């Protein structure tokens, strides 16, 4: 219940900050929020002294459009100040639509932007750790739409070849790619590329934690089944929210939907999407 209440709070914060900055990939942020919360809550030491150790776990946000979700989680964890969120997408702000490591030294591992770049960098980081016999894992969050990029599969081939068992790729599998091109089963493809594959409900924090704790002798991919806009009936059903921010007269309705979401509508969604 504690996680659910915090996540509702963070979703409403994303809505308000998106309104202030007049931008935001809200559907993507809502889709990936549980994944990001789980990683920062259980697998990273951000904000603590050990965060700067060489053997620490690292997180690469390849799905750059989820940056606002990362920022509200960092604020909730006390890593950045809450008031800084209100500068989202302003001229003098460190916080923009995409992650920028140059403005968050030691907090944001890689900058994001064009799709298909973060995962190859994560593979390089995992390989470097292995060469140096360094402890710690590399966790990378990508969107299923990124799997249409050749760089993702080139990186996957290398990761498998080098047996990077310190690499965990989490795919926010919200069926975005199916609207563009049918690439078939991601599970079958990753198995063919030499990965261990796990499938999980991407909106279940405990299930995510359990699967991310697993250790293997090969690179691990977690296919996290999610729903775009999860947490709001309107954001799920209205595709126009793919890339727009809420207006002032929409905020009250959207926040009410977030508060009421874990009732009949959420159960109906789970029956449809998580069979």
Protein backbone atom coordinates (compact mmCIF):
# COMPACT_ATOMS: atom_id res chain seq x y z
CA UNK A 1 0.00 0.00 0.00
CA UNK A 2 2.88 2.36 0.76
CA UNK A 3 4.31 2.01 -2.77
CA UNK A 4 0.87 2.58 -4.31
CA UNK A 5 0.33 5.78 -2.35
CA UNK A 6 3.77 7.13 -3.26
CA UNK A 7 3.28 6.26 -6.91
CA UNK A 8 -0.08 8.03 -7.00
CA UNK A 9 1.62 11.07 -5.48
CA UNK A 10 4.38 10.95 -8.10
CA UNK A 11 1.92 10.59 -10.98
CA UNK A 12 0.06 13.70 -9.85
CA UNK A 13 3.38 15.49 -9.50
CA UNK A 14 4.28 14.55 -13.09
CA UNK A 15 0.98 16.07 -14.24
CA UNK A 16 1.57 19.35 -12.42
CA UNK A 17 5.20 19.67 -13.48
CA UNK A 18 4.24 18.92 -17.08
CA UNK A 19 1.68 21.74 -16.88
CA UNK A 20 4.30 24.13 -15.51
CA UNK A 21 6.86 23.23 -18.17
CA UNK A 22 4.26 22.98 -20.94
CA UNK A 23 5.77 19.74 -22.18
CA UNK A 24 6.13 16.12 -21.22
CA UNK A 25 5.73 12.55 -22.39
CA UNK A 26 3.18 11.79 -19.71
CA UNK A 27 2.00 8.47 -21.13
CA UNK A 28 5.59 7.18 -21.23
CA UNK A 29 6.32 8.46 -17.73
CA UNK A 30 3.20 6.80 -16.34
CA UNK A 31 4.04 3.59 -18.20
CA UNK A 32 7.54 3.30 -16.73
CA UNK A 33 7.12 4.82 -13.26
CA UNK A 34 6.94 1.55 -11.29
CA UNK A 35 10.07 0.30 -13.06
CA UNK A 36 12.02 3.46 -12.27
CA UNK A 37 10.76 3.54 -8.67
CA UNK A 38 11.80 -0.07 -8.13
CA UNK A 39 15.30 0.47 -9.50
CA UNK A 40 15.94 3.57 -7.40
CA UNK A 41 14.34 2.10 -4.29
CA UNK A 42 16.13 -1.25 -4.18
CA UNK A 43 19.13 -1.30 -6.51
CA UNK A 44 20.83 2.10 -6.46
CA UNK A 45 22.61 4.00 -3.70
CA UNK A 46 21.94 7.45 -5.14
CA UNK A 47 22.22 10.11 -2.47
CA UNK A 48 24.41 8.00 -0.20
CA UNK A 49 28.21 7.96 0.12
CA UNK A 50 28.56 4.54 -1.49
CA UNK A 51 26.92 5.90 -4.64
CA UNK A 52 30.34 7.12 -5.74
CA UNK A 53 32.10 3.77 -5.28
CA UNK A 54 33.44 2.07 -8.39
CA UNK A 55 31.63 -1.16 -7.56
CA UNK A 56 28.18 0.41 -7.40
CA UNK A 57 25.18 -0.51 -9.51
CA UNK A 58 24.49 1.96 -12.29
CA UNK A 59 21.31 2.92 -14.13
CA UNK A 60 21.17 3.97 -17.78
CA UNK A 61 17.98 5.61 -19.04
CA UNK A 62 17.90 4.66 -22.70
CA UNK A 63 14.19 5.53 -22.84
CA UNK A 64 14.88 9.23 -22.59
CA UNK A 65 11.26 10.34 -22.77
CA UNK A 66 10.78 8.96 -19.24
CA UNK A 67 13.17 11.56 -17.82
CA UNK A 68 10.47 13.47 -15.94
CA UNK A 69 9.55 10.23 -14.13
CA UNK A 70 13.20 9.86 -13.09
CA UNK A 71 13.30 13.45 -11.84
CA UNK A 72 10.21 13.14 -9.62
CA UNK A 73 11.64 9.93 -8.15
CA UNK A 74 14.96 11.69 -7.45
CA UNK A 75 13.07 14.49 -5.72
CA UNK A 76 11.07 11.98 -3.66
CA UNK A 77 14.34 10.34 -2.61
CA UNK A 78 15.77 13.71 -1.58
CA UNK A 79 18.52 13.67 -4.22
CA UNK A 80 17.31 16.91 -5.83
CA UNK A 81 15.13 19.61 -4.30
CA UNK A 82 11.39 19.56 -4.92
CA UNK A 83 11.38 23.21 -5.97
CA UNK A 84 13.81 22.44 -8.79
CA UNK A 85 11.10 20.40 -10.49
CA UNK A 86 9.15 23.60 -11.03
CA UNK A 87 11.85 24.75 -13.46
CA UNK A 88 11.13 21.84 -15.79
CA UNK A 89 11.81 22.84 -19.41
CA UNK A 90 12.65 26.43 -18.44
CA UNK A 91 15.61 28.23 -20.02
CA UNK A 92 17.82 28.10 -16.92
CA UNK A 93 16.80 24.62 -15.75
CA UNK A 94 18.85 21.45 -15.38
CA UNK A 95 15.70 19.42 -16.04
CA UNK A 96 14.47 18.96 -19.60
CA UNK A 97 12.56 16.42 -21.66
CA UNK A 98 15.69 14.27 -21.95
CA UNK A 99 18.28 13.26 -19.37
CA UNK A 100 21.49 15.34 -19.38
CA UNK A 101 24.45 13.87 -17.49
CA UNK A 102 26.46 17.10 -17.82
CA UNK A 103 23.99 18.81 -15.49
CA UNK A 104 23.70 15.98 -12.96
CA UNK A 105 27.25 14.76 -12.41
CA UNK A 106 27.27 11.53 -10.44
CA UNK A 107 23.48 11.23 -10.52
CA UNK A 108 22.58 10.76 -14.21
CA UNK A 109 24.95 8.27 -15.83
CA UNK A 110 24.24 9.02 -19.51
CA UNK A 111 22.51 11.67 -21.59
CA UNK A 112 19.49 10.60 -23.61
CA UNK A 113 17.87 11.73 -26.81
CA UNK A 114 17.77 9.71 -30.01
CA UNK A 115 16.49 6.21 -29.44
CA UNK A 116 18.83 3.25 -29.57
CA UNK A 117 21.86 4.87 -27.91
CA UNK A 118 21.49 4.19 -24.19
CA UNK A 119 21.57 0.41 -24.32
CA UNK A 120 24.81 0.26 -26.37
CA UNK A 121 26.40 2.57 -23.77
CA UNK A 122 25.12 0.31 -20.99
CA UNK A 123 26.71 -2.67 -22.72
CA UNK A 124 30.02 -0.78 -22.86
CA UNK A 125 29.78 0.03 -19.15
CA UNK A 126 29.03 -3.60 -18.28
CA UNK A 127 31.95 -4.78 -20.41
CA UNK A 128 34.30 -2.30 -18.67
CA UNK A 129 33.19 -3.59 -15.27
CA UNK A 130 33.88 -7.15 -16.37
CA UNK A 131 37.33 -6.29 -17.72
CA UNK A 132 38.21 -4.63 -14.41
CA UNK A 133 36.61 -7.42 -12.34
CA UNK A 134 34.50 -4.72 -10.75
CA UNK A 135 31.40 -5.47 -8.71
CA UNK A 136 27.97 -4.07 -9.48
CA UNK A 137 25.41 -4.38 -12.23
CA UNK A 138 24.33 -2.13 -15.07
CA UNK A 139 20.56 -1.68 -15.23
CA UNK A 140 19.22 -0.16 -18.44
CA UNK A 141 15.64 0.90 -19.18
CA UNK A 142 14.58 0.92 -22.83
CA UNK A 143 11.23 1.23 -24.56
CA UNK A 144 9.89 -1.49 -26.81
CA UNK A 145 9.89 1.08 -29.63
CA UNK A 146 13.68 1.24 -29.35
CA UNK A 147 13.89 -2.39 -30.41
CA UNK A 148 13.25 -1.16 -33.95
CA UNK A 149 16.77 0.33 -33.89
CA UNK A 150 19.64 -1.72 -35.29
CA UNK A 151 22.03 -0.46 -32.62
CA UNK A 152 20.01 -2.27 -29.97
CA UNK A 153 20.51 -5.65 -31.61
CA UNK A 154 24.17 -4.99 -32.44
CA UNK A 155 24.70 -4.24 -28.75
CA UNK A 156 22.75 -7.37 -27.80
CA UNK A 157 25.00 -9.55 -29.98
CA UNK A 158 28.10 -8.13 -28.29
CA UNK A 159 26.63 -8.48 -24.79
CA UNK A 160 25.83 -12.13 -25.43
CA UNK A 161 29.22 -12.81 -27.02
CA UNK A 162 31.02 -11.40 -23.97
CA UNK A 163 28.63 -13.15 -21.54
CA UNK A 164 27.90 -9.92 -19.70
CA UNK A 165 26.11 -11.41 -16.71
CA UNK A 166 26.32 -8.02 -14.98
CA UNK A 167 23.93 -6.47 -17.51
CA UNK A 168 20.16 -6.20 -17.00
CA UNK A 169 18.04 -4.67 -19.76
CA UNK A 170 14.48 -3.78 -18.76
CA UNK A 171 12.16 -3.23 -21.72
CA UNK A 172 9.11 -1.09 -20.98
CA UNK A 173 6.92 -3.23 -23.22
CA UNK A 174 3.80 -1.10 -23.67
CA UNK A 175 3.07 -2.20 -27.26
CA UNK A 176 4.29 1.06 -28.76
CA UNK A 177 6.24 -0.71 -31.47
CA UNK A 178 3.22 -2.66 -32.72
CA UNK A 179 1.72 0.59 -34.01
CA UNK A 180 4.77 1.11 -36.21
CA UNK A 181 6.07 -2.28 -37.30
CA UNK A 182 5.52 -5.91 -36.38
CA UNK A 183 8.88 -7.34 -35.30
CA UNK A 184 7.39 -10.50 -33.83
CA UNK A 185 8.15 -11.90 -30.39
CA UNK A 186 10.72 -9.96 -28.38
CA UNK A 187 11.07 -12.95 -26.10
CA UNK A 188 11.98 -15.30 -28.95
CA UNK A 189 14.40 -12.79 -30.43
CA UNK A 190 16.28 -12.21 -27.17
CA UNK A 191 16.52 -15.95 -26.56
CA UNK A 192 17.97 -16.33 -30.06
CA UNK A 193 20.45 -13.58 -29.23
CA UNK A 194 21.67 -15.50 -26.19
CA UNK A 195 19.87 -13.66 -23.36
CA UNK A 196 18.07 -15.01 -20.34
CA UNK A 197 14.53 -13.69 -20.65
CA UNK A 198 12.09 -12.91 -17.82
CA UNK A 199 8.56 -11.59 -18.25
CA UNK A 200 6.81 -9.59 -15.54
CA UNK A 201 3.94 -7.22 -14.85
CA UNK A 202 5.74 -3.87 -15.13
CA UNK A 203 3.29 -2.16 -12.78
CA UNK A 204 3.93 -4.56 -9.87
CA UNK A 205 6.80 -3.25 -7.72
CA UNK A 206 7.26 -6.46 -5.72
CA UNK A 207 7.28 -8.61 -8.86
CA UNK A 208 9.80 -6.27 -10.49
CA UNK A 209 12.05 -6.34 -7.43
CA UNK A 210 11.98 -10.12 -7.33
CA UNK A 211 12.91 -10.58 -10.99
CA UNK A 212 15.61 -7.87 -10.95
CA UNK A 213 17.32 -9.61 -8.04
CA UNK A 214 17.95 -12.75 -10.11
CA UNK A 215 21.48 -13.65 -11.16
CA UNK A 216 22.51 -15.59 -14.25
CA UNK A 217 25.64 -16.45 -16.22
CA UNK A 218 24.36 -14.53 -19.26
CA UNK A 219 22.95 -11.05 -19.88
CA UNK A 220 19.39 -10.75 -18.58
CA UNK A 221 16.46 -9.00 -20.24
CA UNK A 222 13.27 -8.28 -18.32
CA UNK A 223 10.25 -7.78 -20.56
CA UNK A 224 8.07 -5.61 -18.34
CA UNK A 225 4.53 -5.64 -19.70
CA UNK A 226 3.04 -2.20 -19.17
CA UNK A 227 0.24 0.03 -20.40
CA UNK A 228 0.82 3.52 -21.77
CA UNK A 229 -0.69 6.06 -19.39
CA UNK A 230 -1.18 3.50 -16.59
CA UNK A 231 -2.75 5.24 -13.62
CA UNK A 232 -5.28 7.36 -15.54
CA UNK A 233 -8.28 6.18 -17.55
CA UNK A 234 -8.03 9.19 -19.87
CA UNK A 235 -4.33 8.76 -20.55
CA UNK A 236 -4.82 5.09 -21.39
CA UNK A 237 -7.78 5.55 -23.71
CA UNK A 238 -6.92 8.82 -25.50
CA UNK A 239 -3.96 8.48 -27.88
CA UNK A 240 -3.67 12.25 -28.28
CA UNK A 241 -1.74 12.20 -24.99
CA UNK A 242 1.25 10.58 -26.68
CA UNK A 243 3.04 13.92 -26.48
CA UNK A 244 1.18 16.80 -24.91
CA UNK A 245 0.82 18.43 -21.53
CA UNK A 246 -2.38 18.90 -19.49
CA UNK A 247 -4.23 22.19 -19.49
CA UNK A 248 -5.32 23.78 -16.21
CA UNK A 249 -8.94 22.70 -16.72
CA UNK A 250 -7.82 19.07 -17.17
CA UNK A 251 -5.63 18.69 -14.09
CA UNK A 252 -8.45 18.12 -11.59
CA UNK A 253 -9.99 15.30 -13.64
CA UNK A 254 -6.65 13.59 -14.29
CA UNK A 255 -5.61 13.77 -10.63
CA UNK A 256 -8.98 12.37 -9.57
CA UNK A 257 -8.49 9.49 -12.00
CA UNK A 258 -5.07 8.81 -10.48
CA UNK A 259 -6.58 8.73 -6.98
CA UNK A 260 -9.42 6.41 -8.01
CA UNK A 261 -7.51 4.21 -10.42
CA UNK A 262 -7.00 1.15 -8.20
CA UNK A 263 -10.66 0.27 -8.36
CA UNK A 264 -12.70 -1.42 -11.07
CA UNK A 265 -10.87 0.18 -14.00
CA UNK A 266 -7.44 -1.10 -12.95
CA UNK A 267 -8.82 -4.61 -12.43
CA UNK A 268 -10.42 -4.53 -15.87
CA UNK A 269 -7.12 -3.44 -17.46
CA UNK A 270 -5.24 -6.27 -15.76
CA UNK A 271 -7.71 -8.83 -17.13
CA UNK A 272 -7.23 -7.47 -20.66
CA UNK A 273 -3.48 -6.81 -20.72
CA UNK A 274 -2.02 -9.23 -18.17
CA UNK A 275 -3.72 -12.50 -19.10
